[in-house]
Amino acid sequence: MDEMKINSKFLRNLIAKFVKREVKKKAGYEVDIQLNEFTATVTDGTAHVHLNIDAELGKDELTKLLAAIGL
């Protein structure tokens, strides 16, 4: 079993900035993202990923997002 935990605040902020940029580029949503915890465990070729993320977005962005997924 392999396990990876990202606890460094610097690295979590770096990953959050990358995710924010990619969400904006690929989906067009302006979302402020804070990555609180990232854990990945690989057992017998199967990966389990646990993310604890806070995201902040405007009401208009939320409405667009919900409409895009059909809610």
PDB file of N, CA and C in Angstrom:
ATOM      1  N   MET A   1       0.854  -1.172   0.000  1.00  0.00           N
ATOM      2  CA  MET A   1       0.000   0.000   0.000  1.00  0.00           C
ATOM      3  C   MET A   1       0.900   1.236   0.000  1.00  0.00           C
ATOM      4  N   ASP A   2       0.626   2.123  -0.926  1.00  0.00           N
ATOM      5  CA  ASP A   2       1.322   3.406  -1.015  1.00  0.00           C
ATOM      6  C   ASP A   2       0.366   4.499  -0.584  1.00  0.00           C
ATOM      7  N   GLU A   3       0.914   5.484   0.133  1.00  0.00           N
ATOM      8  CA  GLU A   3       0.074   6.574   0.605  1.00  0.00           C
ATOM      9  C   GLU A   3       0.810   7.893   0.429  1.00  0.00           C
ATOM     10  N   MET A   4       0.069   8.919  -0.006  1.00  0.00           N
ATOM     11  CA  MET A   4       0.636  10.252  -0.167  1.00  0.00           C
ATOM     12  C   MET A   4      -0.296  11.249   0.517  1.00  0.00           C
ATOM     13  N   LYS A   5       0.275  12.057   1.404  1.00  0.00           N
ATOM     14  CA  LYS A   5      -0.485  13.114   2.066  1.00  0.00           C
ATOM     15  C   LYS A   5       0.216  14.427   1.779  1.00  0.00           C
ATOM     16  N   ILE A   6      -0.569  15.444   1.442  1.00  0.00           N
ATOM     17  CA  ILE A   6      -0.006  16.776   1.220  1.00  0.00           C
ATOM     18  C   ILE A   6      -0.465  17.648   2.379  1.00  0.00           C
ATOM     19  N   ASN A   7       0.483  17.973   3.257  1.00  0.00           N
ATOM     20  CA  ASN A   7       0.169  18.781   4.432  1.00  0.00           C
ATOM     21  C   ASN A   7       0.747  20.184   4.350  1.00  0.00           C
ATOM     22  N   SER A   8       1.729  20.384   3.509  1.00  0.00           N
ATOM     23  CA  SER A   8       2.392  21.676   3.396  1.00  0.00           C
ATOM     24  C   SER A   8       1.416  22.736   2.880  1.00  0.00           C
ATOM     25  N   LYS A   9       1.315  23.832   3.627  1.00  0.00           N
ATOM     26  CA  LYS A   9       0.409  24.914   3.211  1.00  0.00           C
ATOM     27  C   LYS A   9       0.836  25.485   1.866  1.00  0.00           C
ATOM     28  N   PHE A  10       2.145  25.627   1.656  1.00  0.00           N
ATOM     29  CA  PHE A  10       2.658  26.144   0.389  1.00  0.00           C
ATOM     30  C   PHE A  10       2.217  25.262  -0.777  1.00  0.00           C
ATOM     31  N   LEU A  11       2.392  23.965  -0.656  1.00  0.00           N
ATOM     32  CA  LEU A  11       2.032  23.042  -1.733  1.00  0.00           C
ATOM     33  C   LEU A  11       0.522  22.991  -1.942  1.00  0.00           C
ATOM     34  N   ARG A  12      -0.259  23.023  -0.852  1.00  0.00           N
ATOM     35  CA  ARG A  12      -1.719  23.031  -0.989  1.00  0.00           C
ATOM     36  C   ARG A  12      -2.187  24.290  -1.709  1.00  0.00           C
ATOM     37  N   ASN A  13      -1.589  25.442  -1.391  1.00  0.00           N
ATOM     38  CA  ASN A  13      -1.953  26.693  -2.072  1.00  0.00           C
ATOM     39  C   ASN A  13      -1.567  26.653  -3.541  1.00  0.00           C
ATOM     40  N   LEU A  14      -0.416  26.070  -3.838  1.00  0.00           N
ATOM     41  CA  LEU A  14       0.033  25.945  -5.226  1.00  0.00           C
ATOM     42  C   LEU A  14      -0.936  25.082  -6.040  1.00  0.00           C
ATOM     43  N   ILE A  15      -1.345  23.960  -5.475  1.00  0.00           N
ATOM     44  CA  ILE A  15      -2.301  23.072  -6.155  1.00  0.00           C
ATOM     45  C   ILE A  15      -3.648  23.780  -6.328  1.00  0.00           C
ATOM     46  N   ALA A  16      -4.103  24.508  -5.305  1.00  0.00           N
ATOM     47  CA  ALA A  16      -5.386  25.218  -5.384  1.00  0.00           C
ATOM     48  C   ALA A  16      -5.358  26.271  -6.489  1.00  0.00           C
ATOM     49  N   LYS A  17      -4.243  26.990  -6.631  1.00  0.00           N
ATOM     50  CA  LYS A  17      -4.128  27.992  -7.695  1.00  0.00           C
ATOM     51  C   LYS A  17      -4.183  27.330  -9.070  1.00  0.00           C
ATOM     52  N   PHE A  18      -3.521  26.182  -9.204  1.00  0.00           N
ATOM     53  CA  PHE A  18      -3.543  25.451 -10.464  1.00  0.00           C
ATOM     54  C   PHE A  18      -4.972  24.993 -10.793  1.00  0.00           C
ATOM     55  N   VAL A  19      -5.670  24.446  -9.808  1.00  0.00           N
ATOM     56  CA  VAL A  19      -7.046  23.975 -10.026  1.00  0.00           C
ATOM     57  C   VAL A  19      -7.956  25.143 -10.386  1.00  0.00           C
ATOM     58  N   LYS A  20      -7.810  26.271  -9.692  1.00  0.00           N
ATOM     59  CA  LYS A  20      -8.620  27.459  -9.992  1.00  0.00           C
ATOM     60  C   LYS A  20      -8.422  27.897 -11.437  1.00  0.00           C
ATOM     61  N   ARG A  21      -7.157  27.930 -11.880  1.00  0.00           N
ATOM     62  CA  ARG A  21      -6.857  28.347 -13.256  1.00  0.00           C
ATOM     63  C   ARG A  21      -7.456  27.375 -14.265  1.00  0.00           C
ATOM     64  N   GLU A  22      -7.356  26.079 -13.989  1.00  0.00           N
ATOM     65  CA  GLU A  22      -7.894  25.076 -14.915  1.00  0.00           C
ATOM     66  C   GLU A  22      -9.415  25.098 -14.968  1.00  0.00           C
ATOM     67  N   VAL A  23     -10.068  25.303 -13.827  1.00  0.00           N
ATOM     68  CA  VAL A  23     -11.538  25.404 -13.814  1.00  0.00           C
ATOM     69  C   VAL A  23     -11.975  26.602 -14.639  1.00  0.00           C
ATOM     70  N   LYS A  24     -11.281  27.725 -14.493  1.00  0.00           N
ATOM     71  CA  LYS A  24     -11.610  28.933 -15.262  1.00  0.00           C
ATOM     72  C   LYS A  24     -11.402  28.695 -16.752  1.00  0.00           C
ATOM     73  N   LYS A  25     -10.272  28.049 -17.099  1.00  0.00           N
ATOM     74  CA  LYS A  25      -9.940  27.835 -18.509  1.00  0.00           C
ATOM     75  C   LYS A  25     -10.875  26.819 -19.170  1.00  0.00           C
ATOM     76  N   LYS A  26     -11.176  25.719 -18.491  1.00  0.00           N
ATOM     77  CA  LYS A  26     -11.945  24.640 -19.119  1.00  0.00           C
ATOM     78  C   LYS A  26     -13.453  24.790 -18.971  1.00  0.00           C
ATOM     79  N   ALA A  27     -13.917  25.369 -17.840  1.00  0.00           N
ATOM     80  CA  ALA A  27     -15.353  25.449 -17.612  1.00  0.00           C
ATOM     81  C   ALA A  27     -15.886  26.880 -17.631  1.00  0.00           C
ATOM     82  N   GLY A  28     -14.997  27.861 -17.485  1.00  0.00           N
ATOM     83  CA  GLY A  28     -15.422  29.247 -17.522  1.00  0.00           C
ATOM     84  C   GLY A  28     -15.980  29.769 -16.209  1.00  0.00           C
ATOM     85  N   TYR A  29     -15.781  29.052 -15.111  1.00  0.00           N
ATOM     86  CA  TYR A  29     -16.304  29.472 -13.814  1.00  0.00           C
ATOM     87  C   TYR A  29     -15.199  30.109 -12.993  1.00  0.00           C
ATOM     88  N   GLU A  30     -15.506  31.252 -12.391  1.00  0.00           N
ATOM     89  CA  GLU A  30     -14.568  31.947 -11.506  1.00  0.00           C
ATOM     90  C   GLU A  30     -14.842  31.462 -10.088  1.00  0.00           C
ATOM     91  N   VAL A  31     -13.984  30.584  -9.575  1.00  0.00           N
ATOM     92  CA  VAL A  31     -14.172  29.961  -8.275  1.00  0.00           C
ATOM     93  C   VAL A  31     -12.900  30.146  -7.456  1.00  0.00           C
ATOM     94  N   ASP A  32     -13.050  30.608  -6.217  1.00  0.00           N
ATOM     95  CA  ASP A  32     -11.916  30.698  -5.302  1.00  0.00           C
ATOM     96  C   ASP A  32     -11.838  29.373  -4.550  1.00  0.00           C
ATOM     97  N   ILE A  33     -10.706  28.691  -4.652  1.00  0.00           N
ATOM     98  CA  ILE A  33     -10.565  27.350  -4.109  1.00  0.00           C
ATOM     99  C   ILE A  33      -9.498  27.334  -3.021  1.00  0.00           C
ATOM    100  N   GLN A  34      -9.816  26.650  -1.913  1.00  0.00           N
ATOM    101  CA  GLN A  34      -8.850  26.430  -0.846  1.00  0.00           C
ATOM    102  C   GLN A  34      -8.778  24.928  -0.606  1.00  0.00           C
ATOM    103  N   LEU A  35      -7.600  24.351  -0.798  1.00  0.00           N
ATOM    104  CA  LEU A  35      -7.387  22.924  -0.581  1.00  0.00           C
ATOM    105  C   LEU A  35      -6.946  22.726   0.858  1.00  0.00           C
ATOM    106  N   ASN A  36      -7.782  22.073   1.663  1.00  0.00           N
ATOM    107  CA  ASN A  36      -7.486  21.864   3.079  1.00  0.00           C
ATOM    108  C   ASN A  36      -6.720  20.575   3.325  1.00  0.00           C
ATOM    109  N   GLU A  37      -7.038  19.534   2.565  1.00  0.00           N
ATOM    110  CA  GLU A  37      -6.398  18.241   2.765  1.00  0.00           C
ATOM    111  C   GLU A  37      -6.409  17.461   1.461  1.00  0.00           C
ATOM    112  N   PHE A  38      -5.329  16.746   1.212  1.00  0.00           N
ATOM    113  CA  PHE A  38      -5.225  15.878   0.040  1.00  0.00           C
ATOM    114  C   PHE A  38      -4.541  14.593   0.479  1.00  0.00           C
ATOM    115  N   THR A  39      -5.208  13.462   0.303  1.00  0.00           N
ATOM    116  CA  THR A  39      -4.646  12.164   0.630  1.00  0.00           C
ATOM    117  C   THR A  39      -4.943  11.210  -0.514  1.00  0.00           C
ATOM    118  N   ALA A  40      -3.931  10.500  -0.966  1.00  0.00           N
ATOM    119  CA  ALA A  40      -4.115   9.470  -1.999  1.00  0.00           C
ATOM    120  C   ALA A  40      -3.514   8.172  -1.488  1.00  0.00           C
ATOM    121  N   THR A  41      -4.279   7.100  -1.586  1.00  0.00           N
ATOM    122  CA  THR A  41      -3.827   5.774  -1.159  1.00  0.00           C
ATOM    123  C   THR A  41      -4.006   4.817  -2.327  1.00  0.00           C
ATOM    124  N   VAL A  42      -2.954   4.063  -2.635  1.00  0.00           N
ATOM    125  CA  VAL A  42      -3.010   3.078  -3.711  1.00  0.00           C
ATOM    126  C   VAL A  42      -2.853   1.697  -3.091  1.00  0.00           C
ATOM    127  N   THR A  43      -3.860   0.844  -3.312  1.00  0.00           N
ATOM    128  CA  THR A  43      -3.842  -0.519  -2.803  1.00  0.00           C
ATOM    129  C   THR A  43      -4.221  -1.460  -3.938  1.00  0.00           C
ATOM    130  N   ASP A  44      -3.342  -2.395  -4.244  1.00  0.00           N
ATOM    131  CA  ASP A  44      -3.594  -3.398  -5.291  1.00  0.00           C
ATOM    132  C   ASP A  44      -4.017  -2.764  -6.612  1.00  0.00           C
ATOM    133  N   GLY A  45      -3.379  -1.682  -7.002  1.00  0.00           N
ATOM    134  CA  GLY A  45      -3.649  -1.055  -8.286  1.00  0.00           C
ATOM    135  C   GLY A  45      -4.867  -0.155  -8.318  1.00  0.00           C
ATOM    136  N   THR A  46      -5.540   0.019  -7.190  1.00  0.00           N
ATOM    137  CA  THR A  46      -6.704   0.897  -7.114  1.00  0.00           C
ATOM    138  C   THR A  46      -6.358   2.096  -6.251  1.00  0.00           C
ATOM    139  N   ALA A  47      -6.647   3.289  -6.773  1.00  0.00           N
ATOM    140  CA  ALA A  47      -6.334   4.520  -6.045  1.00  0.00           C
ATOM    141  C   ALA A  47      -7.589   5.055  -5.373  1.00  0.00           C
ATOM    142  N   HIS A  48      -7.433   5.469  -4.133  1.00  0.00           N
ATOM    143  CA  HIS A  48      -8.495   6.149  -3.395  1.00  0.00           C
ATOM    144  C   HIS A  48      -7.961   7.537  -3.069  1.00  0.00           C
ATOM    145  N   VAL A  49      -8.689   8.567  -3.508  1.00  0.00           N
ATOM    146  CA  VAL A  49      -8.275   9.948  -3.293  1.00  0.00           C
ATOM    147  C   VAL A  49      -9.305  10.634  -2.407  1.00  0.00           C
ATOM    148  N   HIS A  50      -8.804  11.289  -1.352  1.00  0.00           N
ATOM    149  CA  HIS A  50      -9.671  12.054  -0.456  1.00  0.00           C
ATOM    150  C   HIS A  50      -9.262  13.507  -0.541  1.00  0.00           C
ATOM    151  N   LEU A  51     -10.231  14.378  -0.846  1.00  0.00           N
ATOM    152  CA  LEU A  51      -9.993  15.820  -0.924  1.00  0.00           C
ATOM    153  C   LEU A  51     -10.915  16.531   0.054  1.00  0.00           C
ATOM    154  N   ASN A  52     -10.372  17.510   0.752  1.00  0.00           N
ATOM    155  CA  ASN A  52     -11.171  18.405   1.579  1.00  0.00           C
ATOM    156  C   ASN A  52     -10.941  19.794   0.997  1.00  0.00           C
ATOM    157  N   ILE A  53     -11.962  20.314   0.322  1.00  0.00           N
ATOM    158  CA  ILE A  53     -11.830  21.569  -0.423  1.00  0.00           C
ATOM    159  C   ILE A  53     -12.949  22.522  -0.026  1.00  0.00           C
ATOM    160  N   ASP A  54     -12.591  23.785   0.136  1.00  0.00           N
ATOM    161  CA  ASP A  54     -13.578  24.852   0.274  1.00  0.00           C
ATOM    162  C   ASP A  54     -13.545  25.651  -1.016  1.00  0.00           C
ATOM    163  N   ALA A  55     -14.718  25.953  -1.556  1.00  0.00           N
ATOM    164  CA  ALA A  55     -14.805  26.750  -2.773  1.00  0.00           C
ATOM    165  C   ALA A  55     -15.786  27.887  -2.543  1.00  0.00           C
ATOM    166  N   GLU A  56     -15.409  29.055  -3.004  1.00  0.00           N
ATOM    167  CA  GLU A  56     -16.275  30.215  -2.874  1.00  0.00           C
ATOM    168  C   GLU A  56     -16.522  30.780  -4.264  1.00  0.00           C
ATOM    169  N   LEU A  57     -17.803  30.973  -4.582  1.00  0.00           N
ATOM    170  CA  LEU A  57     -18.170  31.517  -5.874  1.00  0.00           C
ATOM    171  C   LEU A  57     -19.422  32.359  -5.729  1.00  0.00           C
ATOM    172  N   GLY A  58     -19.626  33.240  -6.677  1.00  0.00           N
ATOM    173  CA  GLY A  58     -20.791  34.118  -6.653  1.00  0.00           C
ATOM    174  C   GLY A  58     -22.078  33.352  -6.951  1.00  0.00           C
ATOM    175  N   LYS A  59     -23.188  33.975  -6.586  1.00  0.00           N
ATOM    176  CA  LYS A  59     -24.499  33.357  -6.804  1.00  0.00           C
ATOM    177  C   LYS A  59     -24.736  33.087  -8.289  1.00  0.00           C
ATOM    178  N   ASP A  60     -24.326  34.025  -9.148  1.00  0.00           N
ATOM    179  CA  ASP A  60     -24.497  33.842 -10.588  1.00  0.00           C
ATOM    180  C   ASP A  60     -23.691  32.656 -11.097  1.00  0.00           C
ATOM    181  N   GLU A  61     -22.460  32.513 -10.593  1.00  0.00           N
ATOM    182  CA  GLU A  61     -21.624  31.376 -10.988  1.00  0.00           C
ATOM    183  C   GLU A  61     -22.245  30.071 -10.519  1.00  0.00           C
ATOM    184  N   LEU A  62     -22.776  30.055  -9.299  1.00  0.00           N
ATOM    185  CA  LEU A  62     -23.429  28.844  -8.773  1.00  0.00           C
ATOM    186  C   LEU A  62     -24.646  28.480  -9.615  1.00  0.00           C
ATOM    187  N   THR A  63     -25.433  29.467  -9.987  1.00  0.00           N
ATOM    188  CA  THR A  63     -26.616  29.220 -10.810  1.00  0.00           C
ATOM    189  C   THR A  63     -26.205  28.643 -12.174  1.00  0.00           C
ATOM    190  N   LYS A  64     -25.146  29.203 -12.773  1.00  0.00           N
ATOM    191  CA  LYS A  64     -24.643  28.680 -14.054  1.00  0.00           C
ATOM    192  C   LYS A  64     -24.162  27.240 -13.899  1.00  0.00           C
ATOM    193  N   LEU A  65     -23.457  26.972 -12.821  1.00  0.00           N
ATOM    194  CA  LEU A  65     -22.928  25.641 -12.587  1.00  0.00           C
ATOM    195  C   LEU A  65     -24.042  24.616 -12.403  1.00  0.00           C
ATOM    196  N   LEU A  66     -25.028  24.959 -11.597  1.00  0.00           N
ATOM    197  CA  LEU A  66     -26.148  24.046 -11.386  1.00  0.00           C
ATOM    198  C   LEU A  66     -26.948  23.812 -12.662  1.00  0.00           C
ATOM    199  N   ALA A  67     -27.135  24.849 -13.470  1.00  0.00           N
ATOM    200  CA  ALA A  67     -27.835  24.694 -14.741  1.00  0.00           C
ATOM    201  C   ALA A  67     -27.045  23.805 -15.695  1.00  0.00           C
ATOM    202  N   ALA A  68     -25.735  23.914 -15.653  1.00  0.00           N
ATOM    203  CA  ALA A  68     -24.888  23.103 -16.544  1.00  0.00           C
ATOM    204  C   ALA A  68     -24.985  21.618 -16.226  1.00  0.00           C
ATOM    205  N   ILE A  69     -25.208  21.273 -14.942  1.00  0.00           N
ATOM    206  CA  ILE A  69     -25.299  19.856 -14.597  1.00  0.00           C
ATOM    207  C   ILE A  69     -26.756  19.384 -14.516  1.00  0.00           C
ATOM    208  N   GLY A  70     -27.686  20.268 -14.845  1.00  0.00           N
ATOM    209  CA  GLY A  70     -29.079  19.875 -14.950  1.00  0.00           C
ATOM    210  C   GLY A  70     -29.893  19.988 -13.666  1.00  0.00           C
ATOM    211  N   LEU A  71     -29.438  20.792 -12.723  1.00  0.00           N
ATOM    212  CA  LEU A  71     -30.207  20.962 -11.483  1.00  0.00           C
ATOM    213  C   LEU A  71     -30.872  22.312 -11.441  1.00  0.00           C
TER     214      LEU A  71
END
